[in-house]
Amino acid sequence: MGFLSKLTLVSTCLCTTLIGTVHAADTLEKIKANGKIVIGNRESSDPISYVVDGHAVGYAVDVCNSVADEIKKELNLPNLKVVYKTVTSANRVSELLEGHIDMECGTTSNTRQRQQQVTFSTSYYVTEVRMAVKATSGIKSIADLDGKAVVTTQGTTSDKYIKMNERGQQINVKNLYGKDHSDSFDVLASGKAEAFVMDDNTLAGLIARSANPKAFAIVGPVLSYEPYGIMLAKGDPKIKALADRVVTGMWKSGQMDKLYKKWFQSPIPPKNVNLWMPTSDSLKRLKERPNDAGIA
């Protein structure tokens, strides 16, 4: 092969590599090329992100629909298709990293550990980690769990707080893991575990959806305050700036307050149960100063 031919080949390979890199890091260009926005959602994280009659619904889904509308305007593609794809606690990060989804709108806490692989928009919610028990269990505190089985969902941060309290209060529990939130709740309901440690909004949604909501209670101290943000590809400032602009705008305009009332203080599908969750102090602080800060 001659020098010019080798040079052409090297240049072609270099351009292909560079173009591939640009496309991989440019979510908006990827969406434009594919002709659709693929959004990851959760199956049973009521009322934040869940599925009813085959359709993604919830507080976070409404937020991401607003982001999708802004993407359509940005790309000047009003008829751009929006597709929701269900992800789990275990695969949500890999689905984004492998390009199977363009963003994730669920109950993913913005942690500094996750920030090593992905990035997050301005937070749209802050949850409080607590525990659900059977109302007749007599369990009121972490100390009451000594010698008992406790379930949490595989791949979630709540498991960390169980272990932290085991060490701090010198109690011994048997840790069980559900493959998703619904599975974890079934472990609690069946009596295989005495408590289910998870985000309070998820616990409230699962209890409301259960056959007998009065049979369960959310108890104990707040183990952690965790911010939820839209999970996005790392190293893509354009999509992050767009998502931040939308979420911050929703806080400032009062739209986020309307969404909270819709999903936390009004009847919601599928059973039209009202969660009647008061606005927490941590959520009020986020409203006052919207940010994308992660936690340890």
C-alpha atoms as a PDB file:
ATOM      1  CA  MET A   1       0.000   0.000   0.000  1.00  0.00           C
ATOM      2  CA  GLY A   2       1.374   3.439  -0.991  1.00  0.00           C
ATOM      3  CA  PHE A   3       1.955   6.324   1.386  1.00  0.00           C
ATOM      4  CA  LEU A   4      -1.090   8.293   0.177  1.00  0.00           C
ATOM      5  CA  SER A   5      -3.294   5.216   0.448  1.00  0.00           C
ATOM      6  CA  LYS A   6      -2.064   4.585   3.994  1.00  0.00           C
ATOM      7  CA  LEU A   7      -2.638   8.242   4.858  1.00  0.00           C
ATOM      8  CA  THR A   8      -6.161   8.103   3.451  1.00  0.00           C
ATOM      9  CA  LEU A   9      -6.887   4.923   5.419  1.00  0.00           C
ATOM     10  CA  VAL A  10      -5.580   6.437   8.654  1.00  0.00           C
ATOM     11  CA  SER A  11      -7.570   9.621   8.067  1.00  0.00           C
ATOM     12  CA  THR A  12     -10.724   7.640   7.338  1.00  0.00           C
ATOM     13  CA  CYS A  13     -10.298   5.543  10.471  1.00  0.00           C
ATOM     14  CA  LEU A  14      -9.585   8.650  12.552  1.00  0.00           C
ATOM     15  CA  CYS A  15     -12.655  10.453  11.237  1.00  0.00           C
ATOM     16  CA  THR A  16     -14.828   7.422  11.820  1.00  0.00           C
ATOM     17  CA  THR A  17     -13.533   7.156  15.382  1.00  0.00           C
ATOM     18  CA  LEU A  18     -14.092  10.845  16.024  1.00  0.00           C
ATOM     19  CA  ILE A  19     -17.579  10.805  14.520  1.00  0.00           C
ATOM     20  CA  GLY A  20     -18.463   7.746  16.561  1.00  0.00           C
ATOM     21  CA  THR A  21     -17.233   9.450  19.702  1.00  0.00           C
ATOM     22  CA  VAL A  22     -19.216  12.596  18.962  1.00  0.00           C
ATOM     23  CA  HIS A  23     -22.394  10.625  18.332  1.00  0.00           C
ATOM     24  CA  ALA A  24     -21.877   8.526  21.442  1.00  0.00           C
ATOM     25  CA  ALA A  25     -21.553  11.639  23.599  1.00  0.00           C
ATOM     26  CA  ASP A  26     -24.259  13.684  21.857  1.00  0.00           C
ATOM     27  CA  THR A  27     -27.649  12.413  22.957  1.00  0.00           C
ATOM     28  CA  LEU A  28     -29.560  14.999  20.940  1.00  0.00           C
ATOM     29  CA  GLU A  29     -27.816  13.946  17.730  1.00  0.00           C
ATOM     30  CA  LYS A  30     -28.467  10.309  18.550  1.00  0.00           C
ATOM     31  CA  ILE A  31     -32.162  11.037  19.111  1.00  0.00           C
ATOM     32  CA  LYS A  32     -32.354  12.947  15.842  1.00  0.00           C
ATOM     33  CA  ALA A  33     -30.676  10.129  13.929  1.00  0.00           C
ATOM     34  CA  ASN A  34     -32.885   7.438  15.492  1.00  0.00           C
ATOM     35  CA  GLY A  35     -36.084   9.427  15.092  1.00  0.00           C
ATOM     36  CA  LYS A  36     -37.186   8.745  18.667  1.00  0.00           C
ATOM     37  CA  ILE A  37     -36.536   9.495  22.330  1.00  0.00           C
ATOM     38  CA  VAL A  38     -36.161   6.383  24.496  1.00  0.00           C
ATOM     39  CA  ILE A  39     -36.872   7.027  28.177  1.00  0.00           C
ATOM     40  CA  GLY A  40     -36.238   4.480  30.916  1.00  0.00           C
ATOM     41  CA  ASN A  41     -39.048   4.140  33.460  1.00  0.00           C
ATOM     42  CA  ARG A  42     -39.805   1.919  36.443  1.00  0.00           C
ATOM     43  CA  GLU A  43     -42.550  -0.696  36.680  1.00  0.00           C
ATOM     44  CA  SER A  44     -43.656  -0.345  40.304  1.00  0.00           C
ATOM     45  CA  SER A  45     -42.209   2.845  41.827  1.00  0.00           C
ATOM     46  CA  ASP A  46     -45.600   4.462  42.450  1.00  0.00           C
ATOM     47  CA  PRO A  47     -46.247   7.375  42.330  1.00  0.00           C
ATOM     48  CA  ILE A  48     -42.913   8.503  40.838  1.00  0.00           C
ATOM     49  CA  SER A  49     -42.606   6.121  37.904  1.00  0.00           C
ATOM     50  CA  TYR A  50     -44.752   3.061  37.243  1.00  0.00           C
ATOM     51  CA  VAL A  51     -46.868   1.248  34.683  1.00  0.00           C
ATOM     52  CA  VAL A  52     -50.649   1.202  34.383  1.00  0.00           C
ATOM     53  CA  ASP A  53     -52.323  -0.741  31.554  1.00  0.00           C
ATOM     54  CA  GLY A  54     -49.025  -0.922  29.705  1.00  0.00           C
ATOM     55  CA  HIS A  55     -48.325   2.824  29.878  1.00  0.00           C
ATOM     56  CA  ALA A  56     -45.644   4.651  31.884  1.00  0.00           C
ATOM     57  CA  VAL A  57     -47.156   7.121  34.347  1.00  0.00           C
ATOM     58  CA  GLY A  58     -46.084   9.074  37.411  1.00  0.00           C
ATOM     59  CA  TYR A  59     -44.527  12.248  38.745  1.00  0.00           C
ATOM     60  CA  ALA A  60     -41.139  11.644  37.087  1.00  0.00           C
ATOM     61  CA  VAL A  61     -42.772  10.554  33.835  1.00  0.00           C
ATOM     62  CA  ASP A  62     -44.609  13.877  33.665  1.00  0.00           C
ATOM     63  CA  VAL A  63     -41.298  15.669  34.260  1.00  0.00           C
ATOM     64  CA  CYS A  64     -39.632  13.719  31.472  1.00  0.00           C
ATOM     65  CA  ASN A  65     -42.535  14.340  29.117  1.00  0.00           C
ATOM     66  CA  SER A  66     -41.791  18.051  29.578  1.00  0.00           C
ATOM     67  CA  VAL A  67     -38.122  17.371  28.782  1.00  0.00           C
ATOM     68  CA  ALA A  68     -39.183  15.406  25.689  1.00  0.00           C
ATOM     69  CA  ASP A  69     -41.322  18.355  24.538  1.00  0.00           C
ATOM     70  CA  GLU A  70     -38.300  20.643  24.895  1.00  0.00           C
ATOM     71  CA  ILE A  71     -36.157  18.210  22.884  1.00  0.00           C
ATOM     72  CA  LYS A  72     -38.744  18.291  20.090  1.00  0.00           C
ATOM     73  CA  LYS A  73     -38.509  22.086  20.031  1.00  0.00           C
ATOM     74  CA  GLU A  74     -34.706  22.027  20.168  1.00  0.00           C
ATOM     75  CA  LEU A  75     -34.503  19.637  17.210  1.00  0.00           C
ATOM     76  CA  ASN A  76     -37.483  21.212  15.402  1.00  0.00           C
ATOM     77  CA  LEU A  77     -39.114  17.776  15.232  1.00  0.00           C
ATOM     78  CA  PRO A  78     -42.639  18.184  16.660  1.00  0.00           C
ATOM     79  CA  ASN A  79     -43.651  14.659  15.687  1.00  0.00           C
ATOM     80  CA  LEU A  80     -40.618  12.964  17.263  1.00  0.00           C
ATOM     81  CA  LYS A  81     -41.658   9.647  18.774  1.00  0.00           C
ATOM     82  CA  VAL A  82     -41.320   9.168  22.549  1.00  0.00           C
ATOM     83  CA  VAL A  83     -40.808   5.563  23.684  1.00  0.00           C
ATOM     84  CA  TYR A  84     -40.771   4.367  27.276  1.00  0.00           C
ATOM     85  CA  LYS A  85     -38.746   1.297  28.208  1.00  0.00           C
ATOM     86  CA  THR A  86     -39.032  -0.358  31.612  1.00  0.00           C
ATOM     87  CA  VAL A  87     -35.759  -0.689  33.535  1.00  0.00           C
ATOM     88  CA  THR A  88     -34.944  -2.155  36.942  1.00  0.00           C
ATOM     89  CA  SER A  89     -32.746  -1.153  39.863  1.00  0.00           C
ATOM     90  CA  ALA A  90     -30.177  -3.681  38.662  1.00  0.00           C
ATOM     91  CA  ASN A  91     -29.966  -2.693  34.975  1.00  0.00           C
ATOM     92  CA  ARG A  92     -30.911   1.010  34.822  1.00  0.00           C
ATOM     93  CA  VAL A  93     -27.307   2.279  34.705  1.00  0.00           C
ATOM     94  CA  SER A  94     -26.142  -0.301  32.164  1.00  0.00           C
ATOM     95  CA  GLU A  95     -29.158   0.414  29.940  1.00  0.00           C
ATOM     96  CA  LEU A  96     -28.053   4.042  29.762  1.00  0.00           C
ATOM     97  CA  LEU A  97     -24.346   3.280  29.349  1.00  0.00           C
ATOM     98  CA  GLU A  98     -25.065   0.829  26.526  1.00  0.00           C
ATOM     99  CA  GLY A  99     -27.259   3.351  24.725  1.00  0.00           C
ATOM    100  CA  HIS A 100     -30.512   1.416  25.048  1.00  0.00           C
ATOM    101  CA  ILE A 101     -32.178   4.438  26.678  1.00  0.00           C
ATOM    102  CA  ASP A 102     -31.474   8.151  26.261  1.00  0.00           C
ATOM    103  CA  MET A 103     -32.401   9.086  29.825  1.00  0.00           C
ATOM    104  CA  GLU A 104     -33.903   7.464  32.900  1.00  0.00           C
ATOM    105  CA  CYS A 105     -36.871   8.852  34.788  1.00  0.00           C
ATOM    106  CA  GLY A 106     -37.470   6.812  37.889  1.00  0.00           C
ATOM    107  CA  THR A 107     -36.368   6.686  41.495  1.00  0.00           C
ATOM    108  CA  THR A 108     -32.614   6.842  40.980  1.00  0.00           C
ATOM    109  CA  SER A 109     -30.791   8.708  43.735  1.00  0.00           C
ATOM    110  CA  ASN A 110     -28.100  11.140  42.641  1.00  0.00           C
ATOM    111  CA  THR A 111     -25.024   9.774  44.417  1.00  0.00           C
ATOM    112  CA  ARG A 112     -21.378  10.680  43.971  1.00  0.00           C
ATOM    113  CA  GLN A 113     -20.604   7.038  43.281  1.00  0.00           C
ATOM    114  CA  ARG A 114     -23.078   6.946  40.388  1.00  0.00           C
ATOM    115  CA  GLN A 115     -21.677  10.244  39.107  1.00  0.00           C
ATOM    116  CA  GLN A 116     -18.517   8.358  38.172  1.00  0.00           C
ATOM    117  CA  GLN A 117     -20.515   6.660  35.380  1.00  0.00           C
ATOM    118  CA  VAL A 118     -23.461   8.958  34.621  1.00  0.00           C
ATOM    119  CA  THR A 119     -24.678  12.479  35.270  1.00  0.00           C
ATOM    120  CA  PHE A 120     -27.917  13.856  36.691  1.00  0.00           C
ATOM    121  CA  SER A 121     -30.174  16.784  35.943  1.00  0.00           C
ATOM    122  CA  THR A 122     -31.333  19.270  38.532  1.00  0.00           C
ATOM    123  CA  SER A 123     -33.244  17.196  41.087  1.00  0.00           C
ATOM    124  CA  TYR A 124     -37.003  16.965  40.680  1.00  0.00           C
ATOM    125  CA  TYR A 125     -37.672  15.246  44.012  1.00  0.00           C
ATOM    126  CA  VAL A 126     -36.088  14.405  47.364  1.00  0.00           C
ATOM    127  CA  THR A 127     -37.124  11.246  49.160  1.00  0.00           C
ATOM    128  CA  GLU A 128     -36.746  10.110  52.757  1.00  0.00           C
ATOM    129  CA  VAL A 129     -35.598   6.533  53.358  1.00  0.00           C
ATOM    130  CA  ARG A 130     -37.701   4.769  56.002  1.00  0.00           C
ATOM    131  CA  MET A 131     -39.185   1.309  56.515  1.00  0.00           C
ATOM    132  CA  ALA A 132     -42.551  -0.339  55.919  1.00  0.00           C
ATOM    133  CA  VAL A 133     -43.811  -3.009  58.328  1.00  0.00           C
ATOM    134  CA  LYS A 134     -47.044  -4.813  59.012  1.00  0.00           C
ATOM    135  CA  ALA A 135     -49.226  -2.591  61.175  1.00  0.00           C
ATOM    136  CA  THR A 136     -49.516  -5.305  63.839  1.00  0.00           C
ATOM    137  CA  SER A 137     -45.770  -6.018  64.003  1.00  0.00           C
ATOM    138  CA  GLY A 138     -44.994  -3.697  66.922  1.00  0.00           C
ATOM    139  CA  ILE A 139     -41.852  -2.511  65.106  1.00  0.00           C
ATOM    140  CA  LYS A 140     -41.221   1.217  65.566  1.00  0.00           C
ATOM    141  CA  SER A 141     -37.450   1.656  65.300  1.00  0.00           C
ATOM    142  CA  ILE A 142     -34.304   0.183  63.765  1.00  0.00           C
ATOM    143  CA  ALA A 143     -33.469  -1.390  67.129  1.00  0.00           C
ATOM    144  CA  ASP A 144     -36.706  -3.402  66.920  1.00  0.00           C
ATOM    145  CA  LEU A 145     -35.281  -5.216  63.882  1.00  0.00           C
ATOM    146  CA  ASP A 146     -32.631  -7.093  65.887  1.00  0.00           C
ATOM    147  CA  GLY A 147     -32.668 -10.769  64.896  1.00  0.00           C
ATOM    148  CA  LYS A 148     -35.275 -10.209  62.182  1.00  0.00           C
ATOM    149  CA  ALA A 149     -35.273 -10.465  58.383  1.00  0.00           C
ATOM    150  CA  VAL A 150     -35.256  -7.165  56.474  1.00  0.00           C
ATOM    151  CA  VAL A 151     -35.791  -6.831  52.735  1.00  0.00           C
ATOM    152  CA  THR A 152     -34.633  -4.138  50.338  1.00  0.00           C
ATOM    153  CA  THR A 153     -34.415  -4.057  46.554  1.00  0.00           C
ATOM    154  CA  GLN A 154     -31.311  -5.307  44.797  1.00  0.00           C
ATOM    155  CA  GLY A 155     -29.160  -2.500  43.426  1.00  0.00           C
ATOM    156  CA  THR A 156     -30.617   0.278  45.595  1.00  0.00           C
ATOM    157  CA  THR A 157     -28.920   2.598  48.052  1.00  0.00           C
ATOM    158  CA  SER A 158     -31.328   1.725  50.888  1.00  0.00           C
ATOM    159  CA  ASP A 159     -29.364  -1.446  51.578  1.00  0.00           C
ATOM    160  CA  LYS A 160     -26.450   0.762  52.644  1.00  0.00           C
ATOM    161  CA  TYR A 161     -28.518   2.325  55.411  1.00  0.00           C
ATOM    162  CA  ILE A 162     -29.576  -1.035  56.788  1.00  0.00           C
ATOM    163  CA  LYS A 163     -25.927  -2.013  57.142  1.00  0.00           C
ATOM    164  CA  MET A 164     -24.950   1.346  58.607  1.00  0.00           C
ATOM    165  CA  ASN A 165     -27.556   0.981  61.322  1.00  0.00           C
ATOM    166  CA  GLU A 166     -26.583  -2.615  61.994  1.00  0.00           C
ATOM    167  CA  ARG A 167     -23.110  -1.404  62.899  1.00  0.00           C
ATOM    168  CA  GLY A 168     -24.222   1.746  64.677  1.00  0.00           C
ATOM    169  CA  GLN A 169     -26.806   0.125  66.928  1.00  0.00           C
ATOM    170  CA  GLN A 170     -25.132  -3.262  67.228  1.00  0.00           C
ATOM    171  CA  ILE A 171     -28.115  -5.161  65.932  1.00  0.00           C
ATOM    172  CA  ASN A 172     -28.113  -8.215  63.742  1.00  0.00           C
ATOM    173  CA  VAL A 173     -30.552  -8.604  60.865  1.00  0.00           C
ATOM    174  CA  LYS A 174     -30.888 -11.040  57.997  1.00  0.00           C
ATOM    175  CA  ASN A 175     -30.743  -9.092  54.729  1.00  0.00           C
ATOM    176  CA  LEU A 176     -33.053 -10.242  51.938  1.00  0.00           C
ATOM    177  CA  TYR A 177     -33.220  -8.748  48.423  1.00  0.00           C
ATOM    178  CA  GLY A 178     -36.105  -8.404  46.000  1.00  0.00           C
ATOM    179  CA  LYS A 179     -35.417  -8.187  42.289  1.00  0.00           C
ATOM    180  CA  ASP A 180     -37.601  -5.059  42.106  1.00  0.00           C
ATOM    181  CA  HIS A 181     -39.722  -2.978  44.490  1.00  0.00           C
ATOM    182  CA  SER A 182     -42.853  -5.021  43.894  1.00  0.00           C
ATOM    183  CA  ASP A 183     -40.983  -8.231  44.640  1.00  0.00           C
ATOM    184  CA  SER A 184     -39.542  -6.731  47.838  1.00  0.00           C
ATOM    185  CA  PHE A 185     -43.009  -5.702  48.991  1.00  0.00           C
ATOM    186  CA  ASP A 186     -44.278  -9.231  48.324  1.00  0.00           C
ATOM    187  CA  VAL A 187     -41.503 -10.536  50.595  1.00  0.00           C
ATOM    188  CA  LEU A 188     -42.796  -8.249  53.362  1.00  0.00           C
ATOM    189  CA  ALA A 189     -46.457  -9.055  52.728  1.00  0.00           C
ATOM    190  CA  SER A 190     -45.795 -12.800  52.760  1.00  0.00           C
ATOM    191  CA  GLY A 191     -44.123 -12.595  56.178  1.00  0.00           C
ATOM    192  CA  LYS A 192     -40.701 -13.663  54.918  1.00  0.00           C
ATOM    193  CA  ALA A 193     -39.341 -10.278  56.114  1.00  0.00           C
ATOM    194  CA  GLU A 194     -40.373  -8.105  59.047  1.00  0.00           C
ATOM    195  CA  ALA A 195     -39.525  -4.809  57.358  1.00  0.00           C
ATOM    196  CA  PHE A 196     -38.916  -3.326  53.921  1.00  0.00           C
ATOM    197  CA  VAL A 197     -36.430  -0.429  53.857  1.00  0.00           C
ATOM    198  CA  MET A 198     -36.896   1.908  50.897  1.00  0.00           C
ATOM    199  CA  ASP A 199     -37.755   5.444  49.786  1.00  0.00           C
ATOM    200  CA  ASP A 200     -40.911   6.560  51.569  1.00  0.00           C
ATOM    201  CA  ASN A 201     -42.727   7.543  48.371  1.00  0.00           C
ATOM    202  CA  THR A 202     -42.149   4.074  46.923  1.00  0.00           C
ATOM    203  CA  LEU A 203     -43.339   2.449  50.145  1.00  0.00           C
ATOM    204  CA  ALA A 204     -46.464   4.619  50.186  1.00  0.00           C
ATOM    205  CA  GLY A 205     -47.251   3.754  46.575  1.00  0.00           C
ATOM    206  CA  LEU A 206     -46.841   0.011  47.113  1.00  0.00           C
ATOM    207  CA  ILE A 207     -48.999   0.091  50.233  1.00  0.00           C
ATOM    208  CA  ALA A 208     -51.719   2.020  48.406  1.00  0.00           C
ATOM    209  CA  ARG A 209     -51.675  -0.508  45.568  1.00  0.00           C
ATOM    210  CA  SER A 210     -51.862  -3.524  47.937  1.00  0.00           C
ATOM    211  CA  ALA A 211     -54.994  -5.530  48.632  1.00  0.00           C
ATOM    212  CA  ASN A 212     -55.242  -4.162  52.190  1.00  0.00           C
ATOM    213  CA  PRO A 213     -53.421  -0.826  52.664  1.00  0.00           C
ATOM    214  CA  LYS A 214     -54.414  -0.582  56.334  1.00  0.00           C
ATOM    215  CA  ALA A 215     -52.394  -3.733  57.052  1.00  0.00           C
ATOM    216  CA  PHE A 216     -49.105  -1.811  56.620  1.00  0.00           C
ATOM    217  CA  ALA A 217     -47.423   1.228  58.149  1.00  0.00           C
ATOM    218  CA  ILE A 218     -44.359   3.360  57.427  1.00  0.00           C
ATOM    219  CA  VAL A 219     -42.367   3.724  60.652  1.00  0.00           C
ATOM    220  CA  GLY A 220     -39.000   4.526  62.163  1.00  0.00           C
ATOM    221  CA  PRO A 221     -36.546   7.378  61.731  1.00  0.00           C
ATOM    222  CA  VAL A 222     -35.508   8.983  58.450  1.00  0.00           C
ATOM    223  CA  LEU A 223     -32.385   7.049  57.478  1.00  0.00           C
ATOM    224  CA  SER A 224     -31.397   9.295  54.589  1.00  0.00           C
ATOM    225  CA  TYR A 225     -32.514  12.163  52.375  1.00  0.00           C
ATOM    226  CA  GLU A 226     -31.913  11.292  48.715  1.00  0.00           C
ATOM    227  CA  PRO A 227     -32.374  13.501  45.627  1.00  0.00           C
ATOM    228  CA  TYR A 228     -33.836  12.109  42.405  1.00  0.00           C
ATOM    229  CA  GLY A 229     -32.671  13.500  39.087  1.00  0.00           C
ATOM    230  CA  ILE A 230     -33.009  12.514  35.449  1.00  0.00           C
ATOM    231  CA  MET A 231     -30.116  10.132  34.791  1.00  0.00           C
ATOM    232  CA  LEU A 232     -28.200  11.149  31.661  1.00  0.00           C
ATOM    233  CA  ALA A 233     -25.101  10.187  29.695  1.00  0.00           C
ATOM    234  CA  LYS A 234     -21.902  11.479  31.265  1.00  0.00           C
ATOM    235  CA  GLY A 235     -19.908  14.012  29.270  1.00  0.00           C
ATOM    236  CA  ASP A 236     -22.874  15.392  27.315  1.00  0.00           C
ATOM    237  CA  PRO A 237     -23.308  19.044  28.389  1.00  0.00           C
ATOM    238  CA  LYS A 238     -26.012  19.796  25.810  1.00  0.00           C
ATOM    239  CA  ILE A 239     -28.579  17.280  27.040  1.00  0.00           C
ATOM    240  CA  LYS A 240     -27.814  18.130  30.670  1.00  0.00           C
ATOM    241  CA  ALA A 241     -28.247  21.868  30.044  1.00  0.00           C
ATOM    242  CA  LEU A 242     -31.592  21.203  28.359  1.00  0.00           C
ATOM    243  CA  ALA A 243     -32.844  18.937  31.161  1.00  0.00           C
ATOM    244  CA  ASP A 244     -31.631  21.373  33.844  1.00  0.00           C
ATOM    245  CA  ARG A 245     -33.409  24.230  32.102  1.00  0.00           C
ATOM    246  CA  VAL A 246     -36.693  22.336  32.026  1.00  0.00           C
ATOM    247  CA  VAL A 247     -36.582  21.029  35.603  1.00  0.00           C
ATOM    248  CA  THR A 248     -35.458  24.344  37.116  1.00  0.00           C
ATOM    249  CA  GLY A 249     -38.150  26.117  35.124  1.00  0.00           C
ATOM    250  CA  MET A 250     -40.787  23.734  36.488  1.00  0.00           C
ATOM    251  CA  TRP A 251     -39.716  24.549  40.047  1.00  0.00           C
ATOM    252  CA  LYS A 252     -39.770  28.298  39.453  1.00  0.00           C
ATOM    253  CA  SER A 253     -43.089  28.328  37.566  1.00  0.00           C
ATOM    254  CA  GLY A 254     -44.957  26.289  40.172  1.00  0.00           C
ATOM    255  CA  GLN A 255     -45.485  23.378  37.774  1.00  0.00           C
ATOM    256  CA  MET A 256     -43.640  21.018  40.124  1.00  0.00           C
ATOM    257  CA  ASP A 257     -46.037  21.972  42.924  1.00  0.00           C
ATOM    258  CA  LYS A 258     -48.950  21.041  40.663  1.00  0.00           C
ATOM    259  CA  LEU A 259     -47.343  17.692  39.882  1.00  0.00           C
ATOM    260  CA  TYR A 260     -46.850  17.006  43.592  1.00  0.00           C
ATOM    261  CA  LYS A 261     -50.511  17.698  44.283  1.00  0.00           C
ATOM    262  CA  LYS A 262     -51.506  15.503  41.323  1.00  0.00           C
ATOM    263  CA  TRP A 263     -49.448  12.469  42.349  1.00  0.00           C
ATOM    264  CA  PHE A 264     -49.106  12.714  46.140  1.00  0.00           C
ATOM    265  CA  GLN A 265     -52.277  14.461  47.278  1.00  0.00           C
ATOM    266  CA  SER A 266     -54.940  13.336  44.789  1.00  0.00           C
ATOM    267  CA  PRO A 267     -56.409   9.961  43.747  1.00  0.00           C
ATOM    268  CA  ILE A 268     -53.981   8.178  41.415  1.00  0.00           C
ATOM    269  CA  PRO A 269     -54.322   5.123  39.165  1.00  0.00           C
ATOM    270  CA  PRO A 270     -54.821   2.231  39.153  1.00  0.00           C
ATOM    271  CA  LYS A 271     -57.002   2.193  42.308  1.00  0.00           C
ATOM    272  CA  ASN A 272     -57.619   5.936  42.671  1.00  0.00           C
ATOM    273  CA  VAL A 273     -56.073   5.902  46.148  1.00  0.00           C
ATOM    274  CA  ASN A 274     -54.854   9.199  47.611  1.00  0.00           C
ATOM    275  CA  LEU A 275     -51.443   8.913  49.327  1.00  0.00           C
ATOM    276  CA  TRP A 276     -51.981  12.155  51.285  1.00  0.00           C
ATOM    277  CA  MET A 277     -48.227  12.689  51.645  1.00  0.00           C
ATOM    278  CA  PRO A 278     -47.381  16.112  53.118  1.00  0.00           C
ATOM    279  CA  THR A 279     -44.541  18.034  51.518  1.00  0.00           C
ATOM    280  CA  SER A 280     -41.324  17.270  53.404  1.00  0.00           C
ATOM    281  CA  ASP A 281     -38.918  19.936  54.616  1.00  0.00           C
ATOM    282  CA  SER A 282     -36.233  18.517  52.310  1.00  0.00           C
ATOM    283  CA  LEU A 283     -38.514  18.968  49.288  1.00  0.00           C
ATOM    284  CA  LYS A 284     -39.296  22.533  50.353  1.00  0.00           C
ATOM    285  CA  ARG A 285     -35.559  23.267  50.530  1.00  0.00           C
ATOM    286  CA  LEU A 286     -35.064  21.874  47.025  1.00  0.00           C
ATOM    287  CA  LYS A 287     -37.854  24.107  45.728  1.00  0.00           C
ATOM    288  CA  GLU A 288     -36.158  27.151  47.252  1.00  0.00           C
ATOM    289  CA  ARG A 289     -32.769  26.260  45.764  1.00  0.00           C
ATOM    290  CA  PRO A 290     -33.005  23.803  42.838  1.00  0.00           C
ATOM    291  CA  ASN A 291     -29.676  21.990  42.398  1.00  0.00           C
ATOM    292  CA  ASP A 292     -28.015  18.837  41.094  1.00  0.00           C
ATOM    293  CA  ALA A 293     -25.907  18.069  44.178  1.00  0.00           C
ATOM    294  CA  GLY A 294     -25.273  14.381  44.794  1.00  0.00           C
ATOM    295  CA  ILE A 295     -24.939  12.602  48.116  1.00  0.00           C
ATOM    296  CA  ALA A 296     -22.209  10.319  49.448  1.00  0.00           C
END
